[in-house]
PDB file of N, CA and C in Angstrom:
ATOM      1  N   MET A   1      74.420 157.848  23.126  1.00  0.00           N
ATOM      2  CA  MET A   1      75.493 156.909  23.361  1.00  0.00           C
ATOM      3  C   MET A   1      75.734 156.119  22.072  1.00  0.00           C
ATOM      4  N   SER A   2      76.990 156.015  21.662  1.00  0.00           N
ATOM      5  CA  SER A   2      77.331 155.291  20.440  1.00  0.00           C
ATOM      6  C   SER A   2      77.232 153.777  20.667  1.00  0.00           C
ATOM      7  N   ASN A   3      77.191 153.037  19.575  1.00  0.00           N
ATOM      8  CA  ASN A   3      77.153 151.580  19.687  1.00  0.00           C
ATOM      9  C   ASN A   3      78.399 151.045  20.392  1.00  0.00           C
ATOM     10  N   LYS A   4      79.548 151.659  20.143  1.00  0.00           N
ATOM     11  CA  LYS A   4      80.794 151.250  20.799  1.00  0.00           C
ATOM     12  C   LYS A   4      80.670 151.440  22.317  1.00  0.00           C
ATOM     13  N   GLU A   5      80.110 152.573  22.734  1.00  0.00           N
ATOM     14  CA  GLU A   5      79.918 152.835  24.166  1.00  0.00           C
ATOM     15  C   GLU A   5      78.922 151.853  24.771  1.00  0.00           C
ATOM     16  N   LYS A   6      77.855 151.552  24.046  1.00  0.00           N
ATOM     17  CA  LYS A   6      76.874 150.581  24.525  1.00  0.00           C
ATOM     18  C   LYS A   6      77.502 149.202  24.674  1.00  0.00           C
ATOM     19  N   TYR A   7      78.283 148.810  23.686  1.00  0.00           N
ATOM     20  CA  TYR A   7      78.958 147.512  23.700  1.00  0.00           C
ATOM     21  C   TYR A   7      79.897 147.427  24.913  1.00  0.00           C
ATOM     22  N   ASN A   8      80.716 148.449  25.084  1.00  0.00           N
ATOM     23  CA  ASN A   8      81.627 148.489  26.235  1.00  0.00           C
ATOM     24  C   ASN A   8      80.851 148.423  27.543  1.00  0.00           C
ATOM     25  N   GLN A   9      79.749 149.134  27.616  1.00  0.00           N
ATOM     26  CA  GLN A   9      78.946 149.195  28.841  1.00  0.00           C
ATOM     27  C   GLN A   9      78.398 147.813  29.218  1.00  0.00           C
ATOM     28  N   VAL A  10      78.022 147.028  28.229  1.00  0.00           N
ATOM     29  CA  VAL A  10      77.553 145.664  28.517  1.00  0.00           C
ATOM     30  C   VAL A  10      78.653 144.869  29.211  1.00  0.00           C
ATOM     31  N   PHE A  11      79.877 144.976  28.718  1.00  0.00           N
ATOM     32  CA  PHE A  11      80.998 144.276  29.354  1.00  0.00           C
ATOM     33  C   PHE A  11      81.253 144.814  30.760  1.00  0.00           C
ATOM     34  N   ILE A  12      81.226 146.122  30.915  1.00  0.00           N
ATOM     35  CA  ILE A  12      81.471 146.755  32.219  1.00  0.00           C
ATOM     36  C   ILE A  12      80.442 146.277  33.241  1.00  0.00           C
ATOM     37  N   GLU A  13      79.173 146.303  32.862  1.00  0.00           N
ATOM     38  CA  GLU A  13      78.111 145.942  33.800  1.00  0.00           C
ATOM     39  C   GLU A  13      78.027 144.435  34.039  1.00  0.00           C
ATOM     40  N   THR A  14      78.150 143.645  32.982  1.00  0.00           N
ATOM     41  CA  THR A  14      78.016 142.197  33.126  1.00  0.00           C
ATOM     42  C   THR A  14      79.147 141.605  33.959  1.00  0.00           C
ATOM     43  N   PHE A  15      80.360 142.079  33.718  1.00  0.00           N
ATOM     44  CA  PHE A  15      81.519 141.477  34.366  1.00  0.00           C
ATOM     45  C   PHE A  15      82.114 142.341  35.474  1.00  0.00           C
ATOM     46  N   ASN A  16      81.426 143.418  35.846  1.00  0.00           N
ATOM     47  CA  ASN A  16      81.908 144.292  36.922  1.00  0.00           C
ATOM     48  C   ASN A  16      83.322 144.789  36.662  1.00  0.00           C
ATOM     49  N   LEU A  17      83.542 145.326  35.482  1.00  0.00           N
ATOM     50  CA  LEU A  17      84.863 145.790  35.092  1.00  0.00           C
ATOM     51  C   LEU A  17      84.968 147.301  35.208  1.00  0.00           C
ATOM     52  N   GLU A  18      86.178 147.766  35.399  1.00  0.00           N
ATOM     53  CA  GLU A  18      86.454 149.186  35.306  1.00  0.00           C
ATOM     54  C   GLU A  18      86.527 149.549  33.825  1.00  0.00           C
ATOM     55  N   LYS A  19      86.164 150.772  33.501  1.00  0.00           N
ATOM     56  CA  LYS A  19      86.163 151.224  32.112  1.00  0.00           C
ATOM     57  C   LYS A  19      87.533 151.029  31.458  1.00  0.00           C
ATOM     58  N   ASP A  20      88.599 151.252  32.207  1.00  0.00           N
ATOM     59  CA  ASP A  20      89.957 151.133  31.676  1.00  0.00           C
ATOM     60  C   ASP A  20      90.339 149.693  31.345  1.00  0.00           C
ATOM     61  N   TYR A  21      89.593 148.725  31.856  1.00  0.00           N
ATOM     62  CA  TYR A  21      89.923 147.323  31.647  1.00  0.00           C
ATOM     63  C   TYR A  21      89.419 146.798  30.302  1.00  0.00           C
ATOM     64  N   ILE A  22      88.539 147.552  29.661  1.00  0.00           N
ATOM     65  CA  ILE A  22      87.974 147.142  28.374  1.00  0.00           C
ATOM     66  C   ILE A  22      89.051 147.238  27.295  1.00  0.00           C
ATOM     67  N   SER A  23      89.309 146.120  26.623  1.00  0.00           N
ATOM     68  CA  SER A  23      90.295 146.121  25.544  1.00  0.00           C
ATOM     69  C   SER A  23      90.027 144.961  24.594  1.00  0.00           C
ATOM     70  N   ALA A  24      90.720 144.992  23.481  1.00  0.00           N
ATOM     71  CA  ALA A  24      90.596 143.932  22.487  1.00  0.00           C
ATOM     72  C   ALA A  24      91.134 142.610  23.013  1.00  0.00           C
ATOM     73  N   ASP A  25      91.889 142.640  24.105  1.00  0.00           N
ATOM     74  CA  ASP A  25      92.481 141.425  24.676  1.00  0.00           C
ATOM     75  C   ASP A  25      91.499 140.595  25.496  1.00  0.00           C
ATOM     76  N   LEU A  26      90.318 141.118  25.769  1.00  0.00           N
ATOM     77  CA  LEU A  26      89.357 140.373  26.573  1.00  0.00           C
ATOM     78  C   LEU A  26      88.899 139.122  25.834  1.00  0.00           C
ATOM     79  N   GLU A  27      89.008 137.991  26.514  1.00  0.00           N
ATOM     80  CA  GLU A  27      88.584 136.723  25.943  1.00  0.00           C
ATOM     81  C   GLU A  27      87.819 135.916  26.978  1.00  0.00           C
ATOM     82  N   TYR A  28      87.017 134.989  26.478  1.00  0.00           N
ATOM     83  CA  TYR A  28      86.255 134.082  27.328  1.00  0.00           C
ATOM     84  C   TYR A  28      87.206 133.419  28.325  1.00  0.00           C
ATOM     85  N   ASN A  29      86.812 133.387  29.575  1.00  0.00           N
ATOM     86  CA  ASN A  29      87.581 132.814  30.681  1.00  0.00           C
ATOM     87  C   ASN A  29      88.860 133.578  31.013  1.00  0.00           C
ATOM     88  N   SER A  30      89.070 134.761  30.436  1.00  0.00           N
ATOM     89  CA  SER A  30      90.265 135.549  30.767  1.00  0.00           C
ATOM     90  C   SER A  30      90.045 136.408  32.002  1.00  0.00           C
ATOM     91  N   ILE A  31      88.791 136.555  32.391  1.00  0.00           N
ATOM     92  CA  ILE A  31      88.438 137.276  33.616  1.00  0.00           C
ATOM     93  C   ILE A  31      87.482 136.393  34.415  1.00  0.00           C
ATOM     94  N   PRO A  32      87.480 136.519  35.732  1.00  0.00           N
ATOM     95  CA  PRO A  32      86.670 135.619  36.567  1.00  0.00           C
ATOM     96  C   PRO A  32      85.185 135.540  36.200  1.00  0.00           C
ATOM     97  N   GLY A  33      84.566 136.627  35.836  1.00  0.00           N
ATOM     98  CA  GLY A  33      83.134 136.620  35.561  1.00  0.00           C
ATOM     99  C   GLY A  33      82.731 136.049  34.218  1.00  0.00           C
ATOM    100  N   TRP A  34      83.689 135.955  33.298  1.00  0.00           N
ATOM    101  CA  TRP A  34      83.345 135.499  31.957  1.00  0.00           C
ATOM    102  C   TRP A  34      83.473 133.982  31.876  1.00  0.00           C
ATOM    103  N   ASP A  35      82.546 133.332  32.582  1.00  0.00           N
ATOM    104  CA  ASP A  35      82.417 131.885  32.521  1.00  0.00           C
ATOM    105  C   ASP A  35      81.134 131.587  31.748  1.00  0.00           C
ATOM    106  N   SER A  36      80.650 130.366  31.787  1.00  0.00           N
ATOM    107  CA  SER A  36      79.476 130.021  30.987  1.00  0.00           C
ATOM    108  C   SER A  36      78.227 130.800  31.413  1.00  0.00           C
ATOM    109  N   VAL A  37      78.059 130.997  32.715  1.00  0.00           N
ATOM    110  CA  VAL A  37      76.890 131.744  33.205  1.00  0.00           C
ATOM    111  C   VAL A  37      77.016 133.219  32.837  1.00  0.00           C
ATOM    112  N   GLY A  38      78.184 133.787  33.062  1.00  0.00           N
ATOM    113  CA  GLY A  38      78.419 135.184  32.697  1.00  0.00           C
ATOM    114  C   GLY A  38      78.284 135.404  31.203  1.00  0.00           C
ATOM    115  N   HIS A  39      78.709 134.422  30.429  1.00  0.00           N
ATOM    116  CA  HIS A  39      78.621 134.510  28.972  1.00  0.00           C
ATOM    117  C   HIS A  39      77.163 134.648  28.536  1.00  0.00           C
ATOM    118  N   MET A  40      76.301 133.812  29.085  1.00  0.00           N
ATOM    119  CA  MET A  40      74.889 133.867  28.700  1.00  0.00           C
ATOM    120  C   MET A  40      74.229 135.161  29.173  1.00  0.00           C
ATOM    121  N   SER A  41      74.645 135.675  30.322  1.00  0.00           N
ATOM    122  CA  SER A  41      74.121 136.970  30.792  1.00  0.00           C
ATOM    123  C   SER A  41      74.534 138.082  29.838  1.00  0.00           C
ATOM    124  N   MET A  42      75.787 138.043  29.395  1.00  0.00           N
ATOM    125  CA  MET A  42      76.282 139.049  28.466  1.00  0.00           C
ATOM    126  C   MET A  42      75.532 138.960  27.139  1.00  0.00           C
ATOM    127  N   ILE A  43      75.334 137.748  26.635  1.00  0.00           N
ATOM    128  CA  ILE A  43      74.620 137.561  25.369  1.00  0.00           C
ATOM    129  C   ILE A  43      73.202 138.129  25.473  1.00  0.00           C
ATOM    130  N   ALA A  44      72.516 137.819  26.557  1.00  0.00           N
ATOM    131  CA  ALA A  44      71.148 138.323  26.748  1.00  0.00           C
ATOM    132  C   ALA A  44      71.136 139.847  26.765  1.00  0.00           C
ATOM    133  N   GLU A  45      72.100 140.446  27.428  1.00  0.00           N
ATOM    134  CA  GLU A  45      72.169 141.910  27.505  1.00  0.00           C
ATOM    135  C   GLU A  45      72.481 142.517  26.138  1.00  0.00           C
ATOM    136  N   LEU A  46      73.382 141.894  25.401  1.00  0.00           N
ATOM    137  CA  LEU A  46      73.699 142.392  24.053  1.00  0.00           C
ATOM    138  C   LEU A  46      72.491 142.288  23.125  1.00  0.00           C
ATOM    139  N   GLU A  47      71.780 141.170  23.201  1.00  0.00           N
ATOM    140  CA  GLU A  47      70.591 141.001  22.363  1.00  0.00           C
ATOM    141  C   GLU A  47      69.550 142.064  22.679  1.00  0.00           C
ATOM    142  N   GLU A  48      69.377 142.362  23.954  1.00  0.00           N
ATOM    143  CA  GLU A  48      68.407 143.391  24.339  1.00  0.00           C
ATOM    144  C   GLU A  48      68.885 144.785  23.939  1.00  0.00           C
ATOM    145  N   THR A  49      70.141 145.077  24.181  1.00  0.00           N
ATOM    146  CA  THR A  49      70.695 146.398  23.880  1.00  0.00           C
ATOM    147  C   THR A  49      70.625 146.723  22.402  1.00  0.00           C
ATOM    148  N   PHE A  50      70.955 145.746  21.560  1.00  0.00           N
ATOM    149  CA  PHE A  50      71.023 145.991  20.119  1.00  0.00           C
ATOM    150  C   PHE A  50      69.843 145.418  19.345  1.00  0.00           C
ATOM    151  N   ASP A  51      68.855 144.891  20.048  1.00  0.00           N
ATOM    152  CA  ASP A  51      67.643 144.354  19.433  1.00  0.00           C
ATOM    153  C   ASP A  51      67.975 143.356  18.323  1.00  0.00           C
ATOM    154  N   VAL A  52      68.802 142.368  18.687  1.00  0.00           N
ATOM    155  CA  VAL A  52      69.173 141.298  17.764  1.00  0.00           C
ATOM    156  C   VAL A  52      68.933 139.954  18.452  1.00  0.00           C
ATOM    157  N   MET A  53      68.906 138.904  17.651  1.00  0.00           N
ATOM    158  CA  MET A  53      68.798 137.550  18.190  1.00  0.00           C
ATOM    159  C   MET A  53      69.957 136.751  17.594  1.00  0.00           C
ATOM    160  N   LEU A  54      70.906 136.399  18.434  1.00  0.00           N
ATOM    161  CA  LEU A  54      72.070 135.660  17.966  1.00  0.00           C
ATOM    162  C   LEU A  54      71.742 134.179  17.828  1.00  0.00           C
ATOM    163  N   GLU A  55      72.314 133.565  16.820  1.00  0.00           N
ATOM    164  CA  GLU A  55      72.153 132.133  16.591  1.00  0.00           C
ATOM    165  C   GLU A  55      73.034 131.370  17.587  1.00  0.00           C
ATOM    166  N   MET A  56      72.694 130.122  17.855  1.00  0.00           N
ATOM    167  CA  MET A  56      73.464 129.317  18.801  1.00  0.00           C
ATOM    168  C   MET A  56      74.932 129.222  18.389  1.00  0.00           C
ATOM    169  N   ASP A  57      75.204 129.050  17.102  1.00  0.00           N
ATOM    170  CA  ASP A  57      76.589 128.986  16.627  1.00  0.00           C
ATOM    171  C   ASP A  57      77.344 130.283  16.927  1.00  0.00           C
ATOM    172  N   GLU A  58      76.663 131.403  16.799  1.00  0.00           N
ATOM    173  CA  GLU A  58      77.286 132.699  17.080  1.00  0.00           C
ATOM    174  C   GLU A  58      77.567 132.853  18.572  1.00  0.00           C
ATOM    175  N   ILE A  59      76.644 132.391  19.395  1.00  0.00           N
ATOM    176  CA  ILE A  59      76.817 132.470  20.852  1.00  0.00           C
ATOM    177  C   ILE A  59      78.039 131.647  21.268  1.00  0.00           C
ATOM    178  N   ILE A  60      78.173 130.474  20.694  1.00  0.00           N
ATOM    179  CA  ILE A  60      79.320 129.610  21.003  1.00  0.00           C
ATOM    180  C   ILE A  60      80.612 130.227  20.468  1.00  0.00           C
ATOM    181  N   ASP A  61      80.548 130.825  19.294  1.00  0.00           N
ATOM    182  CA  ASP A  61      81.718 131.416  18.638  1.00  0.00           C
ATOM    183  C   ASP A  61      82.153 132.744  19.265  1.00  0.00           C
ATOM    184  N   PHE A  62      81.310 133.351  20.080  1.00  0.00           N
ATOM    185  CA  PHE A  62      81.560 134.648  20.707  1.00  0.00           C
ATOM    186  C   PHE A  62      82.597 134.446  21.816  1.00  0.00           C
ATOM    187  N   SER A  63      83.861 134.338  21.407  1.00  0.00           N
ATOM    188  CA  SER A  63      84.922 133.964  22.338  1.00  0.00           C
ATOM    189  C   SER A  63      85.817 135.110  22.781  1.00  0.00           C
ATOM    190  N   SER A  64      85.591 136.284  22.228  1.00  0.00           N
ATOM    191  CA  SER A  64      86.421 137.430  22.597  1.00  0.00           C
ATOM    192  C   SER A  64      85.673 138.736  22.330  1.00  0.00           C
ATOM    193  N   PHE A  65      86.223 139.799  22.878  1.00  0.00           N
ATOM    194  CA  PHE A  65      85.681 141.137  22.684  1.00  0.00           C
ATOM    195  C   PHE A  65      85.592 141.460  21.193  1.00  0.00           C
ATOM    196  N   ASN A  66      86.683 141.210  20.469  1.00  0.00           N
ATOM    197  CA  ASN A  66      86.709 141.515  19.026  1.00  0.00           C
ATOM    198  C   ASN A  66      85.796 140.612  18.220  1.00  0.00           C
ATOM    199  N   LYS A  67      85.708 139.341  18.596  1.00  0.00           N
ATOM    200  CA  LYS A  67      84.826 138.410  17.879  1.00  0.00           C
ATOM    201  C   LYS A  67      83.373 138.871  18.023  1.00  0.00           C
ATOM    202  N   GLY A  68      83.021 139.408  19.168  1.00  0.00           N
ATOM    203  CA  GLY A  68      81.673 139.932  19.387  1.00  0.00           C
ATOM    204  C   GLY A  68      81.348 141.082  18.455  1.00  0.00           C
ATOM    205  N   ILE A  69      82.318 141.943  18.224  1.00  0.00           N
ATOM    206  CA  ILE A  69      82.129 143.065  17.293  1.00  0.00           C
ATOM    207  C   ILE A  69      81.854 142.524  15.891  1.00  0.00           C
ATOM    208  N   GLU A  70      82.619 141.508  15.508  1.00  0.00           N
ATOM    209  CA  GLU A  70      82.435 140.882  14.195  1.00  0.00           C
ATOM    210  C   GLU A  70      81.044 140.242  14.077  1.00  0.00           C
ATOM    211  N   ILE A  71      80.633 139.521  15.105  1.00  0.00           N
ATOM    212  CA  ILE A  71      79.328 138.843  15.077  1.00  0.00           C
ATOM    213  C   ILE A  71      78.189 139.858  15.027  1.00  0.00           C
ATOM    214  N   LEU A  72      78.257 140.894  15.825  1.00  0.00           N
ATOM    215  CA  LEU A  72      77.211 141.919  15.792  1.00  0.00           C
ATOM    216  C   LEU A  72      77.162 142.614  14.442  1.00  0.00           C
ATOM    217  N   GLY A  73      78.315 142.778  13.805  1.00  0.00           N
ATOM    218  CA  GLY A  73      78.369 143.376  12.482  1.00  0.00           C
ATOM    219  C   GLY A  73      77.555 142.598  11.460  1.00  0.00           C
ATOM    220  N   LYS A  74      77.506 141.282  11.606  1.00  0.00           N
ATOM    221  CA  LYS A  74      76.705 140.442  10.712  1.00  0.00           C
ATOM    222  C   LYS A  74      75.219 140.708  10.860  1.00  0.00           C
ATOM    223  N   HIS A  75      74.841 141.319  11.980  1.00  0.00           N
ATOM    224  CA  HIS A  75      73.446 141.658  12.249  1.00  0.00           C
ATOM    225  C   HIS A  75      73.170 143.145  11.988  1.00  0.00           C
ATOM    226  N   GLY A  76      74.104 143.810  11.324  1.00  0.00           N
ATOM    227  CA  GLY A  76      73.908 145.200  10.973  1.00  0.00           C
ATOM    228  C   GLY A  76      74.220 146.186  12.079  1.00  0.00           C
ATOM    229  N   VAL A  77      74.908 145.727  13.120  1.00  0.00           N
ATOM    230  CA  VAL A  77      75.266 146.608  14.234  1.00  0.00           C
ATOM    231  C   VAL A  77      76.734 146.977  14.088  1.00  0.00           C
ATOM    232  N   ASP A  78      77.006 148.260  13.802  1.00  0.00           N
ATOM    233  CA  ASP A  78      78.374 148.739  13.651  1.00  0.00           C
ATOM    234  C   ASP A  78      78.886 149.202  15.009  1.00  0.00           C
ATOM    235  N   VAL A  79      79.803 148.429  15.579  1.00  0.00           N
ATOM    236  CA  VAL A  79      80.320 148.721  16.917  1.00  0.00           C
ATOM    237  C   VAL A  79      81.688 149.405  16.830  1.00  0.00           C
ATOM    238  N   ARG A  80      82.291 149.472  15.667  1.00  0.00           N
ATOM    239  CA  ARG A  80      83.628 150.051  15.551  1.00  0.00           C
ATOM    240  C   ARG A  80      83.623 151.493  15.795  1.00  0.00           C
TER     241      ARG A  80
END
């Protein structure tokens, strides 16, 4: 499974989304599950999946699907 597929899968599983719903338009609070609790669940899953530890500033800044790709890239994870 590619990093892109793993990244998408975290969103699918954390927020109970259909595969077709995954897009660059996904943003914090744009779907019912992506609230503060869902956000922390997603962060924990991403950290485990990619074996990284995000800084608090990065967790707060992780406001969209695309921003997450950028943040993971800083940790050497190529999700594109």
